Protein backbone atom coordinates (compact mmCIF):
# COMPACT_ATOMS: atom_id res chain seq x y z
CA MET A 1 234.59 104.29 -16.49
CA LYS A 2 235.50 107.66 -15.05
CA GLY A 3 237.28 109.88 -17.53
CA PHE A 4 236.15 107.96 -20.63
CA GLU A 5 233.44 109.27 -22.93
CA PHE A 6 231.86 106.91 -25.43
CA LYS A 7 231.70 109.18 -28.47
CA PRO A 8 232.18 107.57 -31.90
CA SER A 9 233.66 109.74 -34.63
CA LEU A 10 230.40 109.38 -36.57
CA VAL A 11 228.60 111.47 -33.95
CA THR A 12 231.05 114.37 -34.12
CA SER A 13 231.34 114.16 -37.92
CA LEU A 14 227.62 114.71 -38.45
CA LYS A 15 227.82 118.22 -36.99
CA GLY A 16 227.63 120.58 -39.95
CA TYR A 17 227.24 117.67 -42.37
CA ASN A 18 225.98 118.83 -45.78
CA LYS A 19 225.15 117.62 -49.26
CA LYS A 20 228.64 118.34 -50.63
CA THR A 21 230.27 116.23 -47.93
CA PHE A 22 227.72 113.46 -48.48
CA MET A 23 228.44 113.32 -52.22
CA ALA A 24 232.18 113.07 -51.51
CA ASP A 25 231.53 110.25 -49.02
CA PHE A 26 229.09 108.58 -51.42
CA MET A 27 231.55 108.40 -54.32
CA ALA A 28 234.42 107.32 -52.05
CA GLY A 29 232.23 104.65 -50.46
CA ILE A 30 231.28 103.14 -53.84
CA ILE A 31 234.90 103.00 -54.98
CA VAL A 32 236.14 101.52 -51.71
CA GLY A 33 233.35 98.93 -51.82
CA ILE A 34 234.50 97.85 -55.29
CA VAL A 35 238.13 97.76 -54.15
CA ALA A 36 237.22 95.71 -51.07
CA LEU A 37 235.31 93.04 -53.03
CA PRO A 38 238.18 91.03 -54.52
CA LEU A 39 240.27 91.42 -51.35
CA ALA A 40 237.43 90.17 -49.15
CA ILE A 41 236.97 87.10 -51.36
CA ALA A 42 240.71 86.42 -51.52
CA PHE A 43 241.29 86.88 -47.79
CA GLY A 44 238.33 84.66 -46.98
CA ILE A 45 239.51 81.78 -49.16
CA ALA A 46 243.16 82.14 -48.08
CA SER A 47 242.07 82.03 -44.43
CA GLY A 48 240.37 78.69 -44.94
CA VAL A 49 236.76 79.88 -44.97
CA THR A 50 234.31 80.48 -47.82
CA PRO A 51 234.35 83.54 -50.09
CA GLU A 52 230.96 84.51 -48.67
CA GLN A 53 232.41 84.70 -45.16
CA GLY A 54 235.10 87.05 -46.39
CA ILE A 55 232.50 89.41 -47.88
CA ILE A 56 230.18 89.12 -44.86
CA THR A 57 233.10 90.16 -42.66
CA ALA A 58 233.72 93.21 -44.82
CA ILE A 59 230.01 94.10 -44.67
CA VAL A 60 229.35 93.58 -40.96
CA ALA A 61 232.71 94.62 -39.53
CA GLY A 62 233.15 97.44 -42.04
CA PHE A 63 229.76 98.87 -41.09
CA ILE A 64 230.28 98.58 -37.32
CA ILE A 65 233.82 99.99 -37.35
CA SER A 66 232.58 103.05 -39.23
CA VAL A 67 229.62 103.50 -36.86
CA PHE A 68 231.41 102.98 -33.54
CA GLY A 69 235.09 103.70 -34.34
CA GLY A 70 237.19 106.69 -33.42
CA SER A 71 238.53 107.53 -36.88
CA LYS A 72 236.78 109.62 -39.53
CA VAL A 73 238.11 107.68 -42.51
CA GLN A 74 239.06 104.20 -41.25
CA ILE A 75 237.78 101.32 -43.40
CA GLY A 76 237.56 97.98 -41.63
CA GLY A 77 237.30 94.42 -42.85
CA PRO A 78 239.30 91.20 -43.25
CA THR A 79 243.03 91.76 -43.81
CA GLY A 80 246.03 89.76 -44.87
CA ALA A 81 247.55 89.95 -41.40
CA PHE A 82 244.89 87.60 -40.04
CA ILE A 83 245.20 84.91 -42.73
CA VAL A 84 247.87 82.90 -40.93
CA ILE A 85 246.17 83.14 -37.52
CA ILE A 86 242.73 82.22 -38.84
CA ALA A 87 244.01 79.26 -40.82
CA GLY A 88 245.89 77.97 -37.77
CA ILE A 89 242.87 78.30 -35.45
CA ILE A 90 240.58 76.55 -37.95
CA ASN A 91 243.04 73.68 -38.35
CA GLU A 92 243.21 73.16 -34.59
CA TYR A 93 239.79 74.21 -33.29
CA GLY A 94 237.51 74.34 -36.33
CA ILE A 95 235.13 77.11 -37.45
CA GLU A 96 233.35 77.10 -34.09
CA GLY A 97 236.66 77.63 -32.31
CA LEU A 98 237.48 80.54 -34.63
CA ALA A 99 234.12 82.16 -33.84
CA ILE A 100 234.71 81.87 -30.09
CA ALA A 101 238.30 83.20 -30.35
CA THR A 102 237.07 86.16 -32.42
CA VAL A 103 234.34 87.03 -29.91
CA LEU A 104 236.88 86.82 -27.07
CA ALA A 105 239.28 89.03 -29.03
CA GLY A 106 236.46 91.54 -29.47
CA VAL A 107 235.84 91.56 -25.72
CA PHE A 108 239.57 92.13 -25.10
CA LEU A 109 239.60 95.03 -27.57
CA VAL A 110 236.61 96.68 -25.92
CA ALA A 111 238.31 96.24 -22.53
CA LEU A 112 241.51 97.84 -23.86
CA GLY A 113 239.49 100.82 -25.06
CA LEU A 114 237.54 101.21 -21.81
CA LEU A 115 240.79 100.99 -19.82
CA ARG A 116 242.17 103.75 -22.07
CA LEU A 117 245.10 101.65 -23.26
CA GLY A 118 244.81 102.72 -26.89
CA THR A 119 247.85 104.96 -26.68
CA ILE A 120 249.99 102.30 -25.00
CA ILE A 121 249.44 99.87 -27.88
CA LYS A 122 251.20 102.38 -30.16
CA TYR A 123 254.40 101.98 -28.17
CA ILE A 124 254.98 98.38 -29.25
CA PRO A 125 258.52 98.49 -30.73
CA TYR A 126 258.68 99.07 -34.47
CA PRO A 127 261.06 96.12 -35.15
CA ILE A 128 258.41 93.76 -33.72
CA VAL A 129 255.69 95.21 -35.95
CA VAL A 130 257.92 95.03 -39.04
CA GLY A 131 259.17 91.55 -38.09
CA PHE A 132 255.82 89.86 -37.83
CA THR A 133 254.29 91.87 -40.69
CA SER A 134 257.09 90.76 -43.02
CA GLY A 135 256.82 87.23 -41.66
CA ILE A 136 253.09 87.15 -42.36
CA ALA A 137 253.72 88.46 -45.88
CA LEU A 138 256.19 85.66 -46.61
CA THR A 139 253.79 83.11 -45.16
CA ILE A 140 250.91 84.40 -47.30
CA PHE A 141 253.10 84.25 -50.40
CA THR A 142 254.07 80.67 -49.54
CA THR A 143 250.45 79.56 -49.16
CA GLN A 144 249.60 80.82 -52.67
CA ILE A 145 252.25 78.92 -54.66
CA LYS A 146 250.06 75.87 -55.25
CA ASP A 147 247.14 77.84 -56.71
CA LEU A 148 249.35 80.35 -58.52
CA PHE A 149 250.96 77.61 -60.62
CA GLY A 150 248.13 75.07 -60.49
CA LEU A 151 250.30 72.40 -58.84
CA THR A 152 248.87 68.93 -58.32
CA ILE A 153 249.86 67.75 -54.83
CA GLU A 154 248.62 64.44 -53.51
CA GLY A 155 247.62 64.46 -49.86
CA GLY A 156 247.39 68.25 -49.64
CA VAL A 157 249.89 70.91 -48.65
CA PRO A 158 251.60 70.63 -45.24
CA ALA A 159 250.90 73.30 -42.65
CA ASP A 160 254.43 74.37 -41.72
CA PHE A 161 256.59 76.67 -43.82
CA ILE A 162 259.61 74.45 -44.51
CA SER A 163 257.54 71.36 -45.35
CA LYS A 164 255.48 73.44 -47.80
CA TRP A 165 258.54 74.40 -49.81
CA VAL A 166 259.84 70.83 -49.77
CA VAL A 167 256.55 69.61 -51.21
CA TYR A 168 256.45 72.45 -53.77
CA CYS A 169 259.93 71.55 -55.01
CA GLN A 170 259.00 67.88 -55.21
CA ASN A 171 255.83 68.57 -57.21
CA PHE A 172 256.83 71.55 -59.35
CA GLY A 173 256.81 69.29 -62.39
CA SER A 174 253.01 69.08 -62.07
CA ILE A 175 252.62 72.78 -62.92
CA ASP A 176 249.55 73.65 -65.00
CA LEU A 177 250.60 76.02 -67.78
CA TRP A 178 247.27 77.84 -68.11
CA SER A 179 246.96 78.35 -64.35
CA ALA A 180 250.48 79.75 -64.23
CA ILE A 181 249.73 82.10 -67.14
CA VAL A 182 246.53 83.34 -65.48
CA GLY A 183 248.32 83.88 -62.17
CA ILE A 184 251.34 85.68 -63.62
CA VAL A 185 249.27 87.84 -65.96
CA SER A 186 247.04 88.78 -63.01
CA VAL A 187 250.10 89.97 -61.09
CA ILE A 188 251.27 92.00 -64.11
CA ILE A 189 247.84 93.62 -64.54
CA ILE A 190 247.67 94.60 -60.85
CA VAL A 191 251.18 96.06 -60.96
CA ILE A 192 250.71 98.16 -64.09
CA THR A 193 247.12 99.33 -63.46
CA PRO A 194 248.09 102.31 -61.23
CA LYS A 195 250.04 103.73 -64.19
CA PHE A 196 246.83 104.41 -66.11
CA SER A 197 244.00 104.14 -63.54
CA LYS A 198 243.93 105.69 -60.08
CA ILE A 199 240.29 104.87 -59.39
CA ILE A 200 239.60 101.31 -60.56
CA PRO A 201 241.80 98.87 -58.62
CA GLY A 202 244.11 96.55 -60.51
CA SER A 203 242.85 93.56 -58.56
CA LEU A 204 239.30 94.12 -59.84
CA ILE A 205 240.49 94.60 -63.43
CA ALA A 206 242.59 91.43 -63.18
CA ILE A 207 239.69 89.40 -61.80
CA ILE A 208 237.26 90.59 -64.49
CA LEU A 209 239.68 90.07 -67.39
CA MET A 210 240.99 86.71 -66.18
CA THR A 211 237.50 85.41 -65.34
CA VAL A 212 236.17 86.33 -68.78
CA GLY A 213 239.32 84.96 -70.41
CA VAL A 214 239.14 81.60 -68.61
CA VAL A 215 235.43 81.20 -69.37
CA ILE A 216 236.13 81.80 -73.08
CA LEU A 217 239.12 79.44 -73.10
CA LYS A 218 237.12 76.68 -71.43
CA ASN A 219 234.40 77.04 -74.07
CA TYR A 220 237.07 76.31 -76.69
CA GLY A 221 238.36 73.29 -74.74
CA LEU A 222 241.41 75.11 -73.35
CA ALA A 223 242.38 75.92 -69.75
CA GLU A 224 240.18 73.04 -68.57
CA HIS A 225 242.42 72.41 -65.55
CA VAL A 226 242.27 75.98 -64.26
CA ASP A 227 240.36 75.72 -60.98
CA THR A 228 237.76 78.35 -60.20
CA ILE A 229 236.00 79.29 -56.97
CA GLY A 230 232.97 77.30 -58.12
CA ASP A 231 235.12 74.15 -58.37
CA ARG A 232 235.86 74.32 -54.65
CA PHE A 233 232.93 76.18 -53.10
CA THR A 234 229.18 76.26 -53.43
CA ILE A 235 228.35 79.93 -53.79
CA ASN A 236 225.48 81.18 -51.63
CA SER A 237 224.22 84.76 -51.86
CA THR A 238 221.92 84.52 -48.84
CA LEU A 239 222.83 86.19 -45.58
CA PRO A 240 223.12 83.62 -42.77
CA ASP A 241 220.95 83.79 -39.67
CA PRO A 242 222.67 85.16 -36.55
CA ASN A 243 224.25 82.36 -34.55
CA VAL A 244 225.90 82.92 -31.17
CA PRO A 245 228.75 80.40 -30.73
CA ASP A 246 228.38 77.92 -27.89
CA MET A 247 230.92 79.13 -25.35
CA ASN A 248 231.95 77.07 -22.33
CA TRP A 249 234.74 77.62 -19.85
CA GLU A 250 236.96 74.79 -21.12
CA THR A 251 236.80 76.03 -24.70
CA ILE A 252 237.39 79.61 -23.61
CA LYS A 253 240.52 78.61 -21.65
CA SER A 254 241.96 76.77 -24.65
CA LEU A 255 241.31 79.74 -26.94
CA ILE A 256 242.58 82.56 -24.70
CA SER A 257 246.03 82.59 -26.35
CA PRO A 258 244.86 82.84 -29.99
CA ALA A 259 242.19 85.35 -28.92
CA ILE A 260 244.84 87.58 -27.35
CA THR A 261 246.91 87.29 -30.53
CA ILE A 262 243.91 88.38 -32.64
CA ALA A 263 243.22 91.27 -30.25
CA VAL A 264 246.82 92.50 -30.12
CA LEU A 265 247.31 92.25 -33.87
CA GLY A 266 243.94 93.86 -34.53
CA ALA A 267 244.73 96.72 -32.16
CA ILE A 268 248.16 97.30 -33.66
CA GLU A 269 247.01 97.18 -37.27
CA SER A 270 243.91 99.33 -36.76
CA LEU A 271 245.79 102.01 -34.79
CA LEU A 272 248.67 102.02 -37.27
CA SER A 273 246.18 102.45 -40.11
CA ALA A 274 244.41 105.25 -38.23
CA THR A 275 247.72 106.96 -37.46
CA VAL A 276 248.73 106.87 -41.14
CA ALA A 277 245.33 108.29 -42.08
CA ASP A 278 245.63 111.04 -39.46
CA GLY A 279 248.92 112.12 -40.99
CA VAL A 280 247.28 112.49 -44.40
CA ILE A 281 244.07 114.29 -43.40
CA GLY A 282 245.50 116.26 -40.46
CA ASP A 283 243.12 114.74 -37.91
CA LYS A 284 243.56 112.86 -34.62
CA THR A 285 241.88 109.52 -34.05
CA ASN A 286 240.39 108.73 -30.66
CA SER A 287 242.48 105.58 -30.09
CA ASN A 288 240.37 104.23 -27.25
CA GLN A 289 237.12 104.74 -29.14
CA GLU A 290 238.69 103.06 -32.17
CA LEU A 291 239.56 99.98 -30.10
CA ILE A 292 235.98 99.83 -28.80
CA GLY A 293 234.65 100.01 -32.36
CA GLN A 294 237.05 97.28 -33.46
CA GLY A 295 236.00 95.19 -30.47
CA ILE A 296 232.27 95.49 -31.17
CA ALA A 297 232.93 94.57 -34.80
CA ASN A 298 234.82 91.41 -33.81
CA ILE A 299 232.14 90.42 -31.32
CA LEU A 300 229.35 90.68 -33.91
CA SER A 301 231.21 89.54 -37.04
CA PRO A 302 231.34 85.80 -36.11
CA ILE A 303 227.69 85.88 -35.00
CA PHE A 304 226.81 86.61 -38.63
CA GLY A 305 229.32 84.09 -40.01
CA GLY A 306 232.29 86.44 -40.38
CA ILE A 307 235.94 86.23 -39.36
CA PRO A 308 238.31 88.60 -37.49
CA ALA A 309 238.54 92.11 -38.87
CA THR A 310 240.57 95.25 -38.32
CA GLY A 311 241.37 98.56 -39.94
CA ALA A 312 242.79 98.10 -43.44
CA ILE A 313 245.47 100.57 -44.49
CA ALA A 314 245.07 100.06 -48.27
CA ARG A 315 241.28 100.50 -48.19
CA THR A 316 241.53 103.42 -45.78
CA MET A 317 243.99 105.19 -48.10
CA THR A 318 241.71 104.45 -51.06
CA ASN A 319 238.90 106.10 -49.13
CA ILE A 320 241.01 109.20 -48.44
CA ASN A 321 242.38 109.44 -51.98
CA ASN A 322 238.86 109.32 -53.41
CA GLY A 323 237.47 112.07 -51.21
CA GLY A 324 236.08 110.26 -48.15
CA LYS A 325 235.49 112.76 -45.34
CA THR A 326 233.50 111.01 -42.62
CA PRO A 327 232.51 107.51 -41.43
CA ILE A 328 229.53 107.75 -43.78
CA ALA A 329 231.91 106.67 -46.57
CA GLY A 330 232.71 103.47 -44.65
CA ILE A 331 229.00 102.80 -44.12
CA ILE A 332 228.31 103.26 -47.85
CA HIS A 333 231.22 100.91 -48.66
CA ALA A 334 229.51 98.24 -46.53
CA VAL A 335 226.15 98.84 -48.25
CA VAL A 336 227.79 98.54 -51.68
CA LEU A 337 229.33 95.20 -50.67
CA LEU A 338 225.95 94.03 -49.37
CA LEU A 339 224.26 94.82 -52.70
CA ILE A 340 227.01 93.05 -54.64
CA PHE A 341 226.71 90.07 -52.31
CA LEU A 342 222.94 89.79 -52.75
CA LEU A 343 222.81 90.48 -56.51
CA LEU A 344 226.09 89.41 -58.10
CA MET A 345 227.62 86.82 -55.77
CA PRO A 346 226.81 83.80 -58.00
CA LEU A 347 229.18 85.24 -60.65
CA ALA A 348 232.07 84.77 -58.22
CA GLN A 349 232.06 81.02 -58.95
CA TYR A 350 233.80 81.73 -62.28
CA ILE A 351 236.79 83.54 -60.75
CA PRO A 352 240.01 81.50 -61.29
CA MET A 353 241.85 80.46 -58.14
CA SER A 354 245.18 81.29 -59.75
CA CYS A 355 243.94 84.87 -60.31
CA LEU A 356 243.06 85.19 -56.62
CA ALA A 357 246.49 83.77 -55.82
CA GLY A 358 247.99 86.52 -57.97
CA VAL A 359 246.01 89.13 -56.02
CA LEU A 360 247.35 87.77 -52.74
CA VAL A 361 250.92 87.61 -54.04
CA VAL A 362 250.75 91.36 -54.70
CA VAL A 363 249.14 91.91 -51.29
CA ALA A 364 251.98 89.94 -49.69
CA TYR A 365 254.60 91.97 -51.56
CA ASN A 366 253.06 95.28 -50.52
CA MET A 367 252.68 94.02 -46.98
CA SER A 368 256.27 92.78 -46.70
CA GLY A 369 257.76 96.25 -46.43
CA TRP A 370 261.09 94.79 -47.54
CA ARG A 371 262.69 98.22 -47.89
CA THR A 372 261.81 99.03 -44.28
CA PHE A 373 263.04 95.58 -43.23
CA LYS A 374 266.32 96.16 -45.04
CA GLY A 375 266.67 99.61 -43.49
CA LEU A 376 266.23 98.24 -39.96
CA LEU A 377 269.17 95.89 -40.52
CA SER A 378 271.46 98.91 -40.17
CA ASN A 379 270.02 99.74 -36.73
CA PRO A 380 271.58 98.72 -33.37
CA LYS A 381 272.16 94.99 -32.90
CA SER A 382 269.44 94.75 -30.27
CA ASP A 383 266.81 96.03 -32.75
CA ILE A 384 268.11 93.68 -35.44
CA SER A 385 267.86 90.75 -33.02
CA VAL A 386 264.23 91.55 -32.16
CA LEU A 387 263.41 92.04 -35.86
CA LEU A 388 264.95 88.76 -37.04
CA ILE A 389 263.72 86.65 -34.13
CA THR A 390 260.16 87.93 -34.57
CA PHE A 391 260.37 87.40 -38.33
CA PHE A 392 261.68 83.83 -38.19
CA LEU A 393 259.35 82.81 -35.36
CA THR A 394 256.41 84.10 -37.42
CA VAL A 395 257.50 82.18 -40.49
CA ILE A 396 258.70 78.93 -38.93
CA PHE A 397 256.31 78.64 -35.98
CA ASP A 398 253.30 80.96 -35.76
CA LEU A 399 252.32 84.53 -35.05
CA THR A 400 251.22 83.81 -31.48
CA VAL A 401 254.69 82.63 -30.52
CA ALA A 402 256.30 85.48 -32.47
CA ILE A 403 254.29 88.19 -30.71
CA GLU A 404 254.82 86.69 -27.25
CA VAL A 405 258.57 86.22 -27.66
CA GLY A 406 259.01 89.49 -29.54
CA LEU A 407 257.27 91.49 -26.81
CA LEU A 408 259.29 89.70 -24.12
CA LEU A 409 262.56 90.50 -25.92
CA ALA A 410 261.51 94.11 -26.41
CA CYS A 411 260.71 94.47 -22.71
CA LEU A 412 264.06 92.99 -21.71
CA LEU A 413 265.91 95.28 -24.11
CA CYS A 414 263.94 98.26 -22.84
CA MET A 415 264.98 97.39 -19.28
CA ARG A 416 268.59 97.13 -20.31
CA ARG A 417 268.51 100.46 -22.12
CA MET A 418 266.84 102.19 -19.20
CA ALA A 419 269.46 100.73 -16.88
CA GLU A 420 272.18 102.08 -19.15
CA THR A 421 270.71 105.59 -18.96
CA THR A 422 271.00 105.65 -15.15
CA GLN A 423 274.46 106.57 -13.91
CA VAL A 424 275.99 106.47 -10.45
CA SER A 425 278.94 108.81 -9.89
CA VAL A 426 281.24 109.43 -6.91
CA LEU A 427 282.47 112.81 -5.61
CA THR A 428 285.18 112.88 -2.94
CA ASP A 429 286.86 116.31 -3.06
CA GLU A 430 284.66 119.27 -3.93
CA ILE A 431 281.51 120.25 -5.81
CA ASP A 432 281.40 122.92 -8.51
CA PRO A 433 278.43 125.21 -7.78
CA ASN A 434 278.21 126.26 -11.44
CA GLN A 435 277.11 122.73 -12.33
CA GLU A 436 274.54 122.35 -9.56
CA THR A 437 270.79 122.93 -9.65
CA ASP A 438 269.82 122.21 -6.04
CA MET A 439 272.09 124.72 -4.22
CA GLN A 440 270.42 126.74 -1.52
CA VAL A 441 272.15 129.95 -2.58
CA ALA A 442 274.37 130.84 -5.48
CA SER A 443 278.05 130.68 -4.70
CA GLU A 444 281.27 131.18 -6.60
CA GLU A 445 283.22 129.00 -4.18
CA HIS A 446 283.40 125.28 -4.62
CA LEU A 447 281.75 123.24 -1.90
CA VAL A 448 284.42 121.21 -0.12
CA ILE A 449 283.55 117.64 0.80
CA PRO A 450 284.84 116.84 4.33
CA GLU A 451 287.40 114.11 4.86
CA ARG A 452 286.01 110.62 5.47
CA CYS A 453 282.87 111.69 3.57
CA GLU A 454 281.81 110.36 0.15
CA VAL A 455 279.12 111.80 -2.09
CA TYR A 456 277.33 109.46 -4.48
CA GLU A 457 274.97 110.81 -7.11
CA ILE A 458 272.29 108.78 -8.89
CA ASN A 459 271.29 110.22 -12.25
CA GLY A 460 268.21 108.48 -13.61
CA PRO A 461 265.37 106.22 -12.41
CA TYR A 462 266.25 103.95 -9.49
CA PHE A 463 264.46 100.74 -10.45
CA PHE A 464 265.17 97.01 -10.53
CA GLY A 465 267.24 97.33 -13.71
CA ILE A 466 269.96 99.34 -11.96
CA ALA A 467 269.40 98.44 -8.33
CA ASN A 468 272.70 96.57 -8.13
CA LYS A 469 274.72 99.20 -9.98
CA PHE A 470 275.09 101.23 -6.80
CA ASP A 471 276.71 98.28 -5.04
CA GLU A 472 279.06 97.76 -7.99
CA VAL A 473 280.15 101.43 -7.96
CA MET A 474 280.82 101.39 -4.20
CA GLU A 475 282.74 98.14 -4.52
CA HIS A 476 284.86 99.62 -7.30
CA HIS A 477 285.47 102.85 -5.40
CA ARG A 478 287.34 101.88 -2.26
CA SER A 479 289.31 104.66 -0.55
CA LYS A 480 292.29 104.10 1.76
CA HIS A 481 290.24 105.05 4.77
CA ARG A 482 286.78 103.74 5.34
CA PRO A 483 284.29 106.63 5.03
CA LEU A 484 282.29 107.69 8.05
CA VAL A 485 279.57 109.46 6.06
CA ARG A 486 277.93 108.69 2.74
CA ILE A 487 275.75 111.32 1.12
CA ILE A 488 273.42 109.94 -1.56
CA ARG A 489 272.22 112.68 -3.91
CA MET A 490 268.85 111.83 -5.44
CA ARG A 491 267.90 115.12 -7.08
CA LYS A 492 267.97 113.47 -10.54
CA VAL A 493 265.98 110.35 -9.58
CA PRO A 494 262.49 110.77 -11.15
CA PHE A 495 261.04 107.56 -9.66
CA MET A 496 261.83 104.43 -7.66
CA ASP A 497 260.28 100.97 -7.73
CA SER A 498 260.04 98.38 -4.95
CA THR A 499 263.34 96.73 -5.94
CA GLY A 500 265.13 100.07 -5.81
CA ILE A 501 263.63 100.80 -2.38
CA HIS A 502 264.65 97.34 -1.12
CA ASN A 503 268.15 97.78 -2.50
CA LEU A 504 268.52 101.23 -0.92
CA SER A 505 267.20 99.92 2.41
CA CYS A 506 269.74 97.07 2.39
CA LEU A 507 272.50 99.53 1.49
CA ILE A 508 271.66 101.80 4.41
CA GLN A 509 271.42 98.86 6.81
CA THR A 510 274.81 97.59 5.64
CA CYS A 511 276.33 101.05 6.07
CA HIS A 512 274.90 101.30 9.58
CA ASP A 513 276.36 97.90 10.44
CA GLN A 514 279.75 99.16 9.23
CA GLY A 515 279.45 102.35 11.24
CA ILE A 516 278.88 104.54 8.17
CA HIS A 517 276.37 107.37 8.51
CA VAL A 518 274.00 107.81 5.49
CA ILE A 519 272.43 111.11 4.42
CA LEU A 520 269.95 111.51 1.55
CA SER A 521 269.98 114.75 -0.42
CA GLY A 522 267.53 116.31 -2.88
CA VAL A 523 264.77 113.68 -2.78
CA ASN A 524 261.99 114.98 -5.04
CA PRO A 525 258.36 115.00 -3.78
CA GLN A 526 257.28 112.02 -5.90
CA VAL A 527 260.13 109.79 -4.73
CA HIS A 528 259.68 111.09 -1.18
CA GLN A 529 256.03 110.00 -1.24
CA VAL A 530 256.96 106.52 -2.51
CA LEU A 531 259.60 106.11 0.21
CA GLU A 532 257.19 107.30 2.88
CA LYS A 533 254.46 104.85 1.83
CA SER A 534 256.94 101.97 1.91
CA HIS A 535 257.94 102.82 5.52
CA PHE A 536 261.49 103.44 4.35
CA TYR A 537 261.99 106.33 6.74
CA GLU A 538 261.62 104.00 9.72
CA ILE A 539 265.27 103.00 9.24
CA MET A 540 266.52 106.59 8.87
CA ASN A 541 266.43 109.65 11.07
CA SER A 542 264.27 112.31 9.44
CA ASP A 543 267.05 114.86 10.11
CA HIS A 544 269.17 112.99 7.59
CA ILE A 545 266.75 113.57 4.70
CA CYS A 546 268.09 116.88 3.37
CA PRO A 547 266.43 119.13 0.77
CA HIS A 548 269.71 120.01 -1.01
CA ILE A 549 273.46 119.48 -0.96
CA ASN A 550 274.29 122.49 1.25
CA VAL A 551 272.26 121.10 4.13
CA ALA A 552 273.56 117.58 3.50
CA LEU A 553 277.22 118.70 3.69
CA GLU A 554 276.53 120.77 6.81
CA THR A 555 274.82 117.77 8.44
CA ALA A 556 277.83 115.62 7.54
CA ARG A 557 280.23 118.14 9.10
CA GLU A 558 278.20 118.29 12.30
CA TYR A 559 278.16 114.51 12.56
CA LEU A 560 281.92 114.21 11.92
CA ALA A 561 282.58 116.92 14.50
CA SER A 562 280.53 115.02 17.08
CA LEU A 563 282.82 112.00 16.66
CA LYS A 564 285.93 113.93 17.68
């Protein structure tokens, strides 16, 4: 596409690359790989797939995002934001449906990048982002209650939020003490670890300590009811063969909506993560290139058995804080995960499910951004409405509905606010030259508006949101004598849309039918071009399109004089 240059950040970062930079990337990559391990396993299981698929996603997508992305330090992989979406798609369409939706989402992301829409994605209203992020966090927390406390629930846990809590309350008496202890202690370890260790993540320490502890307890006949990954999954440390999902038109049509949701959420989260990283390292991510990298990753991830992926803020910040300088650190992180997967994956079968639940509870808390949520509640009512509606739709229904409705509400509110910024005023006596910017010559005398002449000024964009405001102002302003001339000043109209043009055309036609002469003043070149292309000037004499108010008033006087 003209104007777009496919240039991943990896290419530019390799210029002047040296041993010192490599060692910084190498150490950061190892640490990030270790940090990503427990999260990849937890996100995979919570999403309804196997722990291997979570790690494979981190390996494949993490590698591709670093190779083809537009950020120097972005780390990609599975994230908590996708848990709810993935679980919902699997429940309705199965693993094959998830693979197809992920590939489609990847195609959409690549298209967004090629169409250079990376910057536009950033303008999605903040209350929407906070609303569905907080909603996802609460949903993730809710899904972990059963494993956190080792509840025994016959018939499984319902899918919807309210029913889940009803079932939890009904079965809370079945709590397993050892599972609850493991889960709660895991949360405590993760919370306190940053106080004494900035390098080793608390989630990894919790998993190692709790896994060893549960193995020892089981050898002594204790904690026998604490479920581990091996109790639910058969661990396989072999990389799967590439498998392209069978895509047909009917399946694609049914999966368009969830695919768009994956693409939109992936774009938002990856660009937010990159923006945060840019602020820390003083760099600027190529947003369009980043979307292309994310898209390629999501196209290839399901082919190798993975799930949707995006930029991960926590892992990206870990990369920065540990000295990562270029995408090489992200590539090394993927290699580290691959080695762990091939050599140590069988040990994952001993990890307690309640410990993983504890990891995800902390992830959900950090993701909730409750302080930001609380702060937004003091914003204008329109922002609060968008925030709460998006939040509750995410929790009670699903993220697809929340994003669609949230974006619709945001668009409607944006239209209303834009309409409120456009004002239509009426001048009937004189015009103060000291307040004018389109006068032909400077003058200390006020410009007198002739009798039977009205001057209307539009200040702001003339689009469908305010097209009827002009009619309302004229209706409200009724003089004793019907005017013979109306001057419409458009010097402060930056643009017009088709509804505005139609409304103005109808206004002029109505004025002509009433015997009122219309003169336009100060039409800027851009608006003039739009009017000309729409054949608007066919209903007006070109002599009545005046460059500024002096000429418009003189034209009005000449016309009024001709009537005498």
